[in-house]
Amino acid sequence: MTSWLPEGTSEWGGRPVARTVAGATPRQRAVLSGSVRAVHEKSGSVPACDALLDDGTGTITLRWLGRTQVPGISTGTSVTVEGTVVDQHGLLVLLNPMYRFEEHGREEH
């Protein structure tokens, strides 16, 4: 995907778009803004970088596969992410989400 969903878009492919973690469900597109609470490197057969995003309504794991670090993603960073929510063993995850950095205090919820 090469572009962001336009502001105010309520559907993607005929399905609702989640704008909060609390409103996110598996197999749903989500555009979420919040702060990174933790970052973890995962090694193994498929390296990954996990970041825990908190938007004030809940938390979701952001997972970038094939890399152990994502430039600029660190604890306290304010970001907006877009991706499709998946359920991985009961954990809500956005795999390889698009992301953009936000100024502190200016992210949308």
PDB file of N, CA and C in Angstrom:
ATOM      1  N   MET A   1       0.852  -1.184   0.000  1.00  0.00           N
ATOM      2  CA  MET A   1       0.000   0.000   0.000  1.00  0.00           C
ATOM      3  C   MET A   1       0.886   1.230   0.000  1.00  0.00           C
ATOM      4  N   THR A   2       0.557   2.181  -0.829  1.00  0.00           N
ATOM      5  CA  THR A   2       1.435   3.329  -0.984  1.00  0.00           C
ATOM      6  C   THR A   2       0.863   4.627  -0.454  1.00  0.00           C
ATOM      7  N   SER A   3      -0.353   4.634   0.071  1.00  0.00           N
ATOM      8  CA  SER A   3      -0.919   5.884   0.563  1.00  0.00           C
ATOM      9  C   SER A   3      -1.706   5.653   1.842  1.00  0.00           C
ATOM     10  N   TRP A   4      -1.928   6.724   2.564  1.00  0.00           N
ATOM     11  CA  TRP A   4      -2.710   6.684   3.797  1.00  0.00           C
ATOM     12  C   TRP A   4      -4.186   6.816   3.466  1.00  0.00           C
ATOM     13  N   LEU A   5      -5.021   6.231   4.321  1.00  0.00           N
ATOM     14  CA  LEU A   5      -6.462   6.445   4.177  1.00  0.00           C
ATOM     15  C   LEU A   5      -6.741   7.915   4.443  1.00  0.00           C
ATOM     16  N   PRO A   6      -7.538   8.552   3.631  1.00  0.00           N
ATOM     17  CA  PRO A   6      -7.850   9.961   3.854  1.00  0.00           C
ATOM     18  C   PRO A   6      -8.513  10.177   5.226  1.00  0.00           C
ATOM     19  N   GLU A   7      -8.218  11.311   5.828  1.00  0.00           N
ATOM     20  CA  GLU A   7      -8.815  11.672   7.120  1.00  0.00           C
ATOM     21  C   GLU A   7     -10.328  11.556   7.023  1.00  0.00           C
ATOM     22  N   GLY A   8     -10.930  10.933   8.023  1.00  0.00           N
ATOM     23  CA  GLY A   8     -12.378  10.796   8.065  1.00  0.00           C
ATOM     24  C   GLY A   8     -12.921   9.582   7.324  1.00  0.00           C
ATOM     25  N   THR A   9     -12.030   8.811   6.648  1.00  0.00           N
ATOM     26  CA  THR A   9     -12.483   7.610   5.960  1.00  0.00           C
ATOM     27  C   THR A   9     -13.029   6.632   6.985  1.00  0.00           C
ATOM     28  N   SER A  10     -14.252   6.200   6.795  1.00  0.00           N
ATOM     29  CA  SER A  10     -14.868   5.303   7.773  1.00  0.00           C
ATOM     30  C   SER A  10     -14.902   3.857   7.307  1.00  0.00           C
ATOM     31  N   GLU A  11     -14.590   3.624   6.001  1.00  0.00           N
ATOM     32  CA  GLU A  11     -14.602   2.257   5.483  1.00  0.00           C
ATOM     33  C   GLU A  11     -13.385   2.022   4.606  1.00  0.00           C
ATOM     34  N   TRP A  12     -12.956   0.768   4.571  1.00  0.00           N
ATOM     35  CA  TRP A  12     -11.863   0.321   3.705  1.00  0.00           C
ATOM     36  C   TRP A  12     -12.276  -1.037   3.169  1.00  0.00           C
ATOM     37  N   GLY A  13     -12.459  -1.142   1.885  1.00  0.00           N
ATOM     38  CA  GLY A  13     -12.908  -2.401   1.294  1.00  0.00           C
ATOM     39  C   GLY A  13     -14.281  -2.821   1.801  1.00  0.00           C
ATOM     40  N   GLY A  14     -15.132  -1.835   2.123  1.00  0.00           N
ATOM     41  CA  GLY A  14     -16.476  -2.138   2.598  1.00  0.00           C
ATOM     42  C   GLY A  14     -16.558  -2.488   4.071  1.00  0.00           C
ATOM     43  N   ARG A  15     -15.424  -2.428   4.764  1.00  0.00           N
ATOM     44  CA  ARG A  15     -15.405  -2.748   6.204  1.00  0.00           C
ATOM     45  C   ARG A  15     -15.037  -1.500   6.990  1.00  0.00           C
ATOM     46  N   PRO A  16     -15.517  -1.376   8.232  1.00  0.00           N
ATOM     47  CA  PRO A  16     -15.204  -0.189   9.029  1.00  0.00           C
ATOM     48  C   PRO A  16     -13.718  -0.083   9.356  1.00  0.00           C
ATOM     49  N   VAL A  17     -13.237   1.145   9.475  1.00  0.00           N
ATOM     50  CA  VAL A  17     -11.853   1.427   9.848  1.00  0.00           C
ATOM     51  C   VAL A  17     -11.814   1.761  11.340  1.00  0.00           C
ATOM     52  N   ALA A  18     -10.954   1.079  12.086  1.00  0.00           N
ATOM     53  CA  ALA A  18     -10.795   1.376  13.516  1.00  0.00           C
ATOM     54  C   ALA A  18      -9.930   2.620  13.672  1.00  0.00           C
ATOM     55  N   ARG A  19     -10.345   3.509  14.555  1.00  0.00           N
ATOM     56  CA  ARG A  19      -9.577   4.723  14.836  1.00  0.00           C
ATOM     57  C   ARG A  19      -9.042   4.725  16.268  1.00  0.00           C
ATOM     58  N   THR A  20      -9.411   3.696  17.064  1.00  0.00           N
ATOM     59  CA  THR A  20      -8.884   3.530  18.426  1.00  0.00           C
ATOM     60  C   THR A  20      -8.521   2.064  18.623  1.00  0.00           C
ATOM     61  N   VAL A  21      -7.589   1.813  19.548  1.00  0.00           N
ATOM     62  CA  VAL A  21      -7.235   0.430  19.862  1.00  0.00           C
ATOM     63  C   VAL A  21      -8.452  -0.305  20.416  1.00  0.00           C
ATOM     64  N   ALA A  22      -9.224   0.369  21.262  1.00  0.00           N
ATOM     65  CA  ALA A  22     -10.408  -0.261  21.858  1.00  0.00           C
ATOM     66  C   ALA A  22     -11.408  -0.688  20.785  1.00  0.00           C
ATOM     67  N   GLY A  23     -11.426   0.004  19.663  1.00  0.00           N
ATOM     68  CA  GLY A  23     -12.362  -0.314  18.590  1.00  0.00           C
ATOM     69  C   GLY A  23     -11.806  -1.254  17.541  1.00  0.00           C
ATOM     70  N   ALA A  24     -10.558  -1.694  17.706  1.00  0.00           N
ATOM     71  CA  ALA A  24      -9.898  -2.536  16.704  1.00  0.00           C
ATOM     72  C   ALA A  24     -10.231  -4.011  16.902  1.00  0.00           C
ATOM     73  N   THR A  25     -10.471  -4.701  15.794  1.00  0.00           N
ATOM     74  CA  THR A  25     -10.727  -6.133  15.818  1.00  0.00           C
ATOM     75  C   THR A  25      -9.892  -6.794  14.720  1.00  0.00           C
ATOM     76  N   PRO A  26      -9.615  -8.092  14.851  1.00  0.00           N
ATOM     77  CA  PRO A  26      -8.835  -8.784  13.828  1.00  0.00           C
ATOM     78  C   PRO A  26      -9.460  -8.657  12.445  1.00  0.00           C
ATOM     79  N   ARG A  27      -8.577  -8.567  11.447  1.00  0.00           N
ATOM     80  CA  ARG A  27      -8.944  -8.470  10.037  1.00  0.00           C
ATOM     81  C   ARG A  27      -9.594  -7.134   9.689  1.00  0.00           C
ATOM     82  N   GLN A  28      -9.357  -6.138  10.509  1.00  0.00           N
ATOM     83  CA  GLN A  28      -9.917  -4.808  10.282  1.00  0.00           C
ATOM     84  C   GLN A  28      -8.774  -3.836  10.027  1.00  0.00           C
ATOM     85  N   ARG A  29      -8.974  -2.905   9.104  1.00  0.00           N
ATOM     86  CA  ARG A  29      -7.992  -1.851   8.872  1.00  0.00           C
ATOM     87  C   ARG A  29      -8.055  -0.893  10.050  1.00  0.00           C
ATOM     88  N   ALA A  30      -6.898  -0.363  10.447  1.00  0.00           N
ATOM     89  CA  ALA A  30      -6.844   0.562  11.576  1.00  0.00           C
ATOM     90  C   ALA A  30      -5.887   1.705  11.269  1.00  0.00           C
ATOM     91  N   VAL A  31      -6.274   2.895  11.693  1.00  0.00           N
ATOM     92  CA  VAL A  31      -5.411   4.068  11.686  1.00  0.00           C
ATOM     93  C   VAL A  31      -5.407   4.547  13.134  1.00  0.00           C
ATOM     94  N   LEU A  32      -4.256   4.409  13.795  1.00  0.00           N
ATOM     95  CA  LEU A  32      -4.159   4.654  15.234  1.00  0.00           C
ATOM     96  C   LEU A  32      -3.050   5.646  15.539  1.00  0.00           C
ATOM     97  N   SER A  33      -3.291   6.513  16.514  1.00  0.00           N
ATOM     98  CA  SER A  33      -2.279   7.471  16.963  1.00  0.00           C
ATOM     99  C   SER A  33      -2.067   7.295  18.447  1.00  0.00           C
ATOM    100  N   GLY A  34      -0.812   7.353  18.857  1.00  0.00           N
ATOM    101  CA  GLY A  34      -0.503   7.215  20.279  1.00  0.00           C
ATOM    102  C   GLY A  34       0.983   7.286  20.532  1.00  0.00           C
ATOM    103  N   SER A  35       1.378   6.804  21.707  1.00  0.00           N
ATOM    104  CA  SER A  35       2.770   6.832  22.126  1.00  0.00           C
ATOM    105  C   SER A  35       3.317   5.422  22.255  1.00  0.00           C
ATOM    106  N   VAL A  36       4.571   5.258  21.867  1.00  0.00           N
ATOM    107  CA  VAL A  36       5.247   3.980  22.013  1.00  0.00           C
ATOM    108  C   VAL A  36       5.630   3.828  23.485  1.00  0.00           C
ATOM    109  N   ARG A  37       5.182   2.748  24.115  1.00  0.00           N
ATOM    110  CA  ARG A  37       5.453   2.498  25.538  1.00  0.00           C
ATOM    111  C   ARG A  37       6.648   1.588  25.760  1.00  0.00           C
ATOM    112  N   ALA A  38       6.966   0.732  24.781  1.00  0.00           N
ATOM    113  CA  ALA A  38       8.101  -0.183  24.911  1.00  0.00           C
ATOM    114  C   ALA A  38       8.487  -0.679  23.523  1.00  0.00           C
ATOM    115  N   VAL A  39       9.758  -1.025  23.375  1.00  0.00           N
ATOM    116  CA  VAL A  39      10.271  -1.593  22.132  1.00  0.00           C
ATOM    117  C   VAL A  39      11.085  -2.828  22.487  1.00  0.00           C
ATOM    118  N   HIS A  40      10.882  -3.916  21.733  1.00  0.00           N
ATOM    119  CA  HIS A  40      11.591  -5.172  21.988  1.00  0.00           C
ATOM    120  C   HIS A  40      12.114  -5.740  20.682  1.00  0.00           C
ATOM    121  N   GLU A  41      13.359  -6.193  20.715  1.00  0.00           N
ATOM    122  CA  GLU A  41      13.930  -6.906  19.584  1.00  0.00           C
ATOM    123  C   GLU A  41      13.636  -8.383  19.759  1.00  0.00           C
ATOM    124  N   LYS A  42      13.227  -9.023  18.675  1.00  0.00           N
ATOM    125  CA  LYS A  42      12.962 -10.465  18.709  1.00  0.00           C
ATOM    126  C   LYS A  42      13.909 -11.129  17.725  1.00  0.00           C
ATOM    127  N   SER A  43      14.654 -12.102  18.203  1.00  0.00           N
ATOM    128  CA  SER A  43      15.527 -12.846  17.311  1.00  0.00           C
ATOM    129  C   SER A  43      14.938 -14.232  17.109  1.00  0.00           C
ATOM    130  N   GLY A  44      15.515 -14.968  16.227  1.00  0.00           N
ATOM    131  CA  GLY A  44      15.010 -16.299  15.923  1.00  0.00           C
ATOM    132  C   GLY A  44      15.044 -16.515  14.431  1.00  0.00           C
ATOM    133  N   SER A  45      14.233 -17.442  13.948  1.00  0.00           N
ATOM    134  CA  SER A  45      14.238 -17.729  12.513  1.00  0.00           C
ATOM    135  C   SER A  45      13.770 -16.524  11.706  1.00  0.00           C
ATOM    136  N   VAL A  46      12.867 -15.711  12.284  1.00  0.00           N
ATOM    137  CA  VAL A  46      12.425 -14.468  11.643  1.00  0.00           C
ATOM    138  C   VAL A  46      12.622 -13.334  12.643  1.00  0.00           C
ATOM    139  N   PRO A  47      13.675 -12.523  12.463  1.00  0.00           N
ATOM    140  CA  PRO A  47      13.858 -11.404  13.386  1.00  0.00           C
ATOM    141  C   PRO A  47      12.695 -10.428  13.271  1.00  0.00           C
ATOM    142  N   ALA A  48      12.418  -9.719  14.359  1.00  0.00           N
ATOM    143  CA  ALA A  48      11.325  -8.747  14.355  1.00  0.00           C
ATOM    144  C   ALA A  48      11.590  -7.660  15.379  1.00  0.00           C
ATOM    145  N   CYS A  49      10.973  -6.529  15.152  1.00  0.00           N
ATOM    146  CA  CYS A  49      10.981  -5.427  16.110  1.00  0.00           C
ATOM    147  C   CYS A  49       9.538  -5.216  16.535  1.00  0.00           C
ATOM    148  N   ASP A  50       9.281  -5.342  17.838  1.00  0.00           N
ATOM    149  CA  ASP A  50       7.945  -5.121  18.398  1.00  0.00           C
ATOM    150  C   ASP A  50       7.927  -3.812  19.164  1.00  0.00           C
ATOM    151  N   ALA A  51       6.882  -3.042  18.983  1.00  0.00           N
ATOM    152  CA  ALA A  51       6.675  -1.816  19.751  1.00  0.00           C
ATOM    153  C   ALA A  51       5.251  -1.851  20.288  1.00  0.00           C
ATOM    154  N   LEU A  52       5.081  -1.452  21.528  1.00  0.00           N
ATOM    155  CA  LEU A  52       3.760  -1.410  22.151  1.00  0.00           C
ATOM    156  C   LEU A  52       3.218   0.002  22.029  1.00  0.00           C
ATOM    157  N   LEU A  53       2.108   0.155  21.294  1.00  0.00           N
ATOM    158  CA  LEU A  53       1.485   1.465  21.082  1.00  0.00           C
ATOM    159  C   LEU A  53       0.312   1.628  22.038  1.00  0.00           C
ATOM    160  N   ASP A  54       0.274   2.754  22.731  1.00  0.00           N
ATOM    161  CA  ASP A  54      -0.809   3.090  23.663  1.00  0.00           C
ATOM    162  C   ASP A  54      -1.500   4.341  23.135  1.00  0.00           C
ATOM    163  N   ASP A  55      -2.810   4.223  22.866  1.00  0.00           N
ATOM    164  CA  ASP A  55      -3.549   5.381  22.358  1.00  0.00           C
ATOM    165  C   ASP A  55      -4.507   5.966  23.398  1.00  0.00           C
ATOM    166  N   GLY A  56      -4.410   5.496  24.638  1.00  0.00           N
ATOM    167  CA  GLY A  56      -5.290   5.986  25.688  1.00  0.00           C
ATOM    168  C   GLY A  56      -6.532   5.136  25.862  1.00  0.00           C
ATOM    169  N   THR A  57      -6.856   4.304  24.841  1.00  0.00           N
ATOM    170  CA  THR A  57      -8.011   3.407  24.971  1.00  0.00           C
ATOM    171  C   THR A  57      -7.555   1.965  25.148  1.00  0.00           C
ATOM    172  N   GLY A  58      -6.272   1.722  24.934  1.00  0.00           N
ATOM    173  CA  GLY A  58      -5.717   0.385  25.035  1.00  0.00           C
ATOM    174  C   GLY A  58      -4.359   0.340  24.377  1.00  0.00           C
ATOM    175  N   THR A  59      -3.789  -0.863  24.278  1.00  0.00           N
ATOM    176  CA  THR A  59      -2.485  -1.038  23.645  1.00  0.00           C
ATOM    177  C   THR A  59      -2.570  -2.085  22.551  1.00  0.00           C
ATOM    178  N   ILE A  60      -1.692  -1.944  21.575  1.00  0.00           N
ATOM    179  CA  ILE A  60      -1.596  -2.891  20.464  1.00  0.00           C
ATOM    180  C   ILE A  60      -0.117  -3.035  20.128  1.00  0.00           C
ATOM    181  N   THR A  61       0.268  -4.229  19.685  1.00  0.00           N
ATOM    182  CA  THR A  61       1.652  -4.475  19.298  1.00  0.00           C
ATOM    183  C   THR A  61       1.847  -4.122  17.833  1.00  0.00           C
ATOM    184  N   LEU A  62       2.877  -3.331  17.561  1.00  0.00           N
ATOM    185  CA  LEU A  62       3.303  -3.036  16.198  1.00  0.00           C
ATOM    186  C   LEU A  62       4.476  -3.962  15.928  1.00  0.00           C
ATOM    187  N   ARG A  63       4.430  -4.756  14.871  1.00  0.00           N
ATOM    188  CA  ARG A  63       5.501  -5.729  14.605  1.00  0.00           C
ATOM    189  C   ARG A  63       6.019  -5.557  13.179  1.00  0.00           C
ATOM    190  N   TRP A  64       7.316  -5.227  13.111  1.00  0.00           N
ATOM    191  CA  TRP A  64       7.994  -5.142  11.826  1.00  0.00           C
ATOM    192  C   TRP A  64       8.831  -6.400  11.668  1.00  0.00           C
ATOM    193  N   LEU A  65       8.518  -7.215  10.677  1.00  0.00           N
ATOM    194  CA  LEU A  65       9.207  -8.474  10.452  1.00  0.00           C
ATOM    195  C   LEU A  65      10.480  -8.258   9.630  1.00  0.00           C
ATOM    196  N   GLY A  66      11.495  -9.068   9.926  1.00  0.00           N
ATOM    197  CA  GLY A  66      12.728  -9.022   9.162  1.00  0.00           C
ATOM    198  C   GLY A  66      13.706  -7.962   9.596  1.00  0.00           C
ATOM    199  N   ARG A  67      13.422  -7.281  10.687  1.00  0.00           N
ATOM    200  CA  ARG A  67      14.341  -6.258  11.208  1.00  0.00           C
ATOM    201  C   ARG A  67      14.243  -6.229  12.717  1.00  0.00           C
ATOM    202  N   THR A  68      15.327  -5.904  13.373  1.00  0.00           N
ATOM    203  CA  THR A  68      15.313  -5.847  14.834  1.00  0.00           C
ATOM    204  C   THR A  68      15.215  -4.416  15.349  1.00  0.00           C
ATOM    205  N   GLN A  69      15.310  -3.443  14.450  1.00  0.00           N
ATOM    206  CA  GLN A  69      15.154  -2.038  14.825  1.00  0.00           C
ATOM    207  C   GLN A  69      14.422  -1.307  13.709  1.00  0.00           C
ATOM    208  N   VAL A  70      13.662  -0.287  14.091  1.00  0.00           N
ATOM    209  CA  VAL A  70      13.006   0.587  13.123  1.00  0.00           C
ATOM    210  C   VAL A  70      13.476   2.001  13.446  1.00  0.00           C
ATOM    211  N   PRO A  71      14.134   2.672  12.503  1.00  0.00           N
ATOM    212  CA  PRO A  71      14.663   4.009  12.782  1.00  0.00           C
ATOM    213  C   PRO A  71      13.597   4.953  13.331  1.00  0.00           C
ATOM    214  N   GLY A  72      13.897   5.571  14.464  1.00  0.00           N
ATOM    215  CA  GLY A  72      13.002   6.544  15.079  1.00  0.00           C
ATOM    216  C   GLY A  72      11.991   5.967  16.042  1.00  0.00           C
ATOM    217  N   ILE A  73      11.760   4.666  16.000  1.00  0.00           N
ATOM    218  CA  ILE A  73      10.788   4.050  16.906  1.00  0.00           C
ATOM    219  C   ILE A  73      11.494   3.740  18.217  1.00  0.00           C
ATOM    220  N   SER A  74      11.102   4.466  19.267  1.00  0.00           N
ATOM    221  CA  SER A  74      11.681   4.263  20.592  1.00  0.00           C
ATOM    222  C   SER A  74      10.632   4.634  21.639  1.00  0.00           C
ATOM    223  N   THR A  75      10.897   4.257  22.870  1.00  0.00           N
ATOM    224  CA  THR A  75       9.962   4.554  23.957  1.00  0.00           C
ATOM    225  C   THR A  75       9.703   6.054  24.021  1.00  0.00           C
ATOM    226  N   GLY A  76       8.415   6.420  24.063  1.00  0.00           N
ATOM    227  CA  GLY A  76       8.009   7.821  24.153  1.00  0.00           C
ATOM    228  C   GLY A  76       7.708   8.476  22.825  1.00  0.00           C
ATOM    229  N   THR A  77       8.055   7.837  21.723  1.00  0.00           N
ATOM    230  CA  THR A  77       7.796   8.402  20.402  1.00  0.00           C
ATOM    231  C   THR A  77       6.292   8.457  20.140  1.00  0.00           C
ATOM    232  N   SER A  78       5.826   9.582  19.605  1.00  0.00           N
ATOM    233  CA  SER A  78       4.420   9.718  19.202  1.00  0.00           C
ATOM    234  C   SER A  78       4.307   9.405  17.719  1.00  0.00           C
ATOM    235  N   VAL A  79       3.428   8.451  17.383  1.00  0.00           N
ATOM    236  CA  VAL A  79       3.290   8.019  15.999  1.00  0.00           C
ATOM    237  C   VAL A  79       1.827   7.830  15.625  1.00  0.00           C
ATOM    238  N   THR A  80       1.588   7.870  14.328  1.00  0.00           N
ATOM    239  CA  THR A  80       0.334   7.425  13.746  1.00  0.00           C
ATOM    240  C   THR A  80       0.699   6.252  12.862  1.00  0.00           C
ATOM    241  N   VAL A  81      -0.059   5.168  12.982  1.00  0.00           N
ATOM    242  CA  VAL A  81       0.211   3.951  12.210  1.00  0.00           C
ATOM    243  C   VAL A  81      -1.032   3.542  11.434  1.00  0.00           C
ATOM    244  N   GLU A  82      -0.798   2.835  10.334  1.00  0.00           N
ATOM    245  CA  GLU A  82      -1.907   2.284   9.560  1.00  0.00           C
ATOM    246  C   GLU A  82      -1.551   0.873   9.147  1.00  0.00           C
ATOM    247  N   GLY A  83      -2.509  -0.029   9.304  1.00  0.00           N
ATOM    248  CA  GLY A  83      -2.307  -1.405   8.899  1.00  0.00           C
ATOM    249  C   GLY A  83      -3.544  -2.226   9.176  1.00  0.00           C
ATOM    250  N   THR A  84      -3.440  -3.515   8.919  1.00  0.00           N
ATOM    251  CA  THR A  84      -4.539  -4.432   9.183  1.00  0.00           C
ATOM    252  C   THR A  84      -4.259  -5.174  10.478  1.00  0.00           C
ATOM    253  N   VAL A  85      -5.240  -5.196  11.363  1.00  0.00           N
ATOM    254  CA  VAL A  85      -5.114  -5.847  12.669  1.00  0.00           C
ATOM    255  C   VAL A  85      -5.185  -7.360  12.478  1.00  0.00           C
ATOM    256  N   VAL A  86      -4.274  -8.066  13.148  1.00  0.00           N
ATOM    257  CA  VAL A  86      -4.313  -9.530  13.149  1.00  0.00           C
ATOM    258  C   VAL A  86      -4.311 -10.007  14.598  1.00  0.00           C
ATOM    259  N   ASP A  87      -4.806 -11.218  14.793  1.00  0.00           N
ATOM    260  CA  ASP A  87      -4.802 -11.852  16.109  1.00  0.00           C
ATOM    261  C   ASP A  87      -3.700 -12.897  16.098  1.00  0.00           C
ATOM    262  N   GLN A  88      -2.679 -12.700  16.922  1.00  0.00           N
ATOM    263  CA  GLN A  88      -1.606 -13.675  17.031  1.00  0.00           C
ATOM    264  C   GLN A  88      -1.619 -14.241  18.441  1.00  0.00           C
ATOM    265  N   HIS A  89      -2.250 -15.400  18.574  1.00  0.00           N
ATOM    266  CA  HIS A  89      -2.347 -16.100  19.862  1.00  0.00           C
ATOM    267  C   HIS A  89      -3.001 -15.211  20.925  1.00  0.00           C
ATOM    268  N   GLY A  90      -4.094 -14.532  20.551  1.00  0.00           N
ATOM    269  CA  GLY A  90      -4.834 -13.704  21.487  1.00  0.00           C
ATOM    270  C   GLY A  90      -4.298 -12.290  21.641  1.00  0.00           C
ATOM    271  N   LEU A  91      -3.248 -11.946  20.908  1.00  0.00           N
ATOM    272  CA  LEU A  91      -2.635 -10.616  20.980  1.00  0.00           C
ATOM    273  C   LEU A  91      -2.970  -9.852  19.703  1.00  0.00           C
ATOM    274  N   LEU A  92      -3.490  -8.621  19.846  1.00  0.00           N
ATOM    275  CA  LEU A  92      -3.753  -7.792  18.669  1.00  0.00           C
ATOM    276  C   LEU A  92      -2.435  -7.211  18.170  1.00  0.00           C
ATOM    277  N   VAL A  93      -2.175  -7.373  16.858  1.00  0.00           N
ATOM    278  CA  VAL A  93      -0.907  -6.968  16.260  1.00  0.00           C
ATOM    279  C   VAL A  93      -1.172  -6.280  14.926  1.00  0.00           C
ATOM    280  N   LEU A  94      -0.384  -5.233  14.642  1.00  0.00           N
ATOM    281  CA  LEU A  94      -0.330  -4.653  13.304  1.00  0.00           C
ATOM    282  C   LEU A  94       1.005  -5.096  12.718  1.00  0.00           C
ATOM    283  N   LEU A  95       0.971  -5.885  11.634  1.00  0.00           N
ATOM    284  CA  LEU A  95       2.198  -6.365  11.006  1.00  0.00           C
ATOM    285  C   LEU A  95       2.691  -5.361   9.973  1.00  0.00           C
ATOM    286  N   ASN A  96       3.965  -4.998  10.082  1.00  0.00           N
ATOM    287  CA  ASN A  96       4.615  -4.079   9.142  1.00  0.00           C
ATOM    288  C   ASN A  96       3.763  -2.841   8.843  1.00  0.00           C
ATOM    289  N   PRO A  97       3.294  -2.146   9.888  1.00  0.00           N
ATOM    290  CA  PRO A  97       2.436  -0.990   9.630  1.00  0.00           C
ATOM    291  C   PRO A  97       3.200   0.174   9.002  1.00  0.00           C
ATOM    292  N   MET A  98       2.488   0.959   8.210  1.00  0.00           N
ATOM    293  CA  MET A  98       3.034   2.247   7.781  1.00  0.00           C
ATOM    294  C   MET A  98       3.035   3.121   9.032  1.00  0.00           C
ATOM    295  N   TYR A  99       3.959   4.049   9.128  1.00  0.00           N
ATOM    296  CA  TYR A  99       4.000   4.908  10.304  1.00  0.00           C
ATOM    297  C   TYR A  99       4.522   6.285   9.941  1.00  0.00           C
ATOM    298  N   ARG A 100       4.093   7.249  10.720  1.00  0.00           N
ATOM    299  CA  ARG A 100       4.622   8.617  10.609  1.00  0.00           C
ATOM    300  C   ARG A 100       4.729   9.166  12.012  1.00  0.00           C
ATOM    301  N   PHE A 101       5.715   9.984  12.216  1.00  0.00           N
ATOM    302  CA  PHE A 101       5.954  10.575  13.526  1.00  0.00           C
ATOM    303  C   PHE A 101       5.069  11.797  13.723  1.00  0.00           C
ATOM    304  N   GLU A 102       4.618  11.991  14.957  1.00  0.00           N
ATOM    305  CA  GLU A 102       3.775  13.124  15.319  1.00  0.00           C
ATOM    306  C   GLU A 102       4.490  13.946  16.378  1.00  0.00           C
ATOM    307  N   GLU A 103       4.189  15.235  16.437  1.00  0.00           N
ATOM    308  CA  GLU A 103       4.714  16.068  17.508  1.00  0.00           C
ATOM    309  C   GLU A 103       4.040  15.651  18.802  1.00  0.00           C
ATOM    310  N   HIS A 104       4.784  15.690  19.912  1.00  0.00           N
ATOM    311  CA  HIS A 104       4.193  15.334  21.210  1.00  0.00           C
ATOM    312  C   HIS A 104       2.973  16.190  21.479  1.00  0.00           C
ATOM    313  N   GLY A 105       1.896  15.534  21.928  1.00  0.00           N
ATOM    314  CA  GLY A 105       0.678  16.255  22.299  1.00  0.00           C
ATOM    315  C   GLY A 105      -0.209  16.596  21.119  1.00  0.00           C
ATOM    316  N   ARG A 106       0.207  16.244  19.888  1.00  0.00           N
ATOM    317  CA  ARG A 106      -0.599  16.592  18.730  1.00  0.00           C
ATOM    318  C   ARG A 106      -1.190  15.398  18.029  1.00  0.00           C
ATOM    319  N   GLU A 107      -0.977  14.192  18.576  1.00  0.00           N
ATOM    320  CA  GLU A 107      -1.552  13.027  17.910  1.00  0.00           C
ATOM    321  C   GLU A 107      -3.063  13.018  18.082  1.00  0.00           C
ATOM    322  N   GLU A 108      -3.744  12.427  17.080  1.00  0.00           N
ATOM    323  CA  GLU A 108      -5.188  12.347  17.110  1.00  0.00           C
ATOM    324  C   GLU A 108      -5.594  11.023  17.728  1.00  0.00           C
ATOM    325  N   HIS A 109      -6.651  11.010  18.488  1.00  0.00           N
ATOM    326  CA  HIS A 109      -7.128   9.765  19.100  1.00  0.00           C
ATOM    327  C   HIS A 109      -8.488   9.437  18.555  1.00  0.00           C
TER     328      HIS A 109
END
